[in-house]
């Protein structure tokens, strides 16, 4: 699994627009949180299920890049949490979940139904 790491707020909107071509998963992560580390490890372990769908994995470190994290929350109208997975497809948020509720199989079903 290769993460595209967000460095600036300016990267968020173009990635949402890119979801017109293929799904884009934003993962908001705190390196200081054991729950966030567990959620990230689960996501990485099960990533092969999503890769055939061309999902782009985007990583936001909420400790070093809080403005990007809050901008994504604003653009998606989803309250900020960490860890948090927000999946866009065709410019719309089609899945979001936080903490240990992040579920690759649910993401897969959602992609297949959209």
Foldseek 3Di string as FASTA:
>chain_A
DDADEDDALVPPVVQLQVLQVFKEKEWEAEPVDPLLVVQVVVCVVPVVLVVVRVYHHYYYDCVNYVVNQVVVCVLQVHDGDPGKMFMHHSSHTQDIDHGPVDDPVVVSVSRVVD
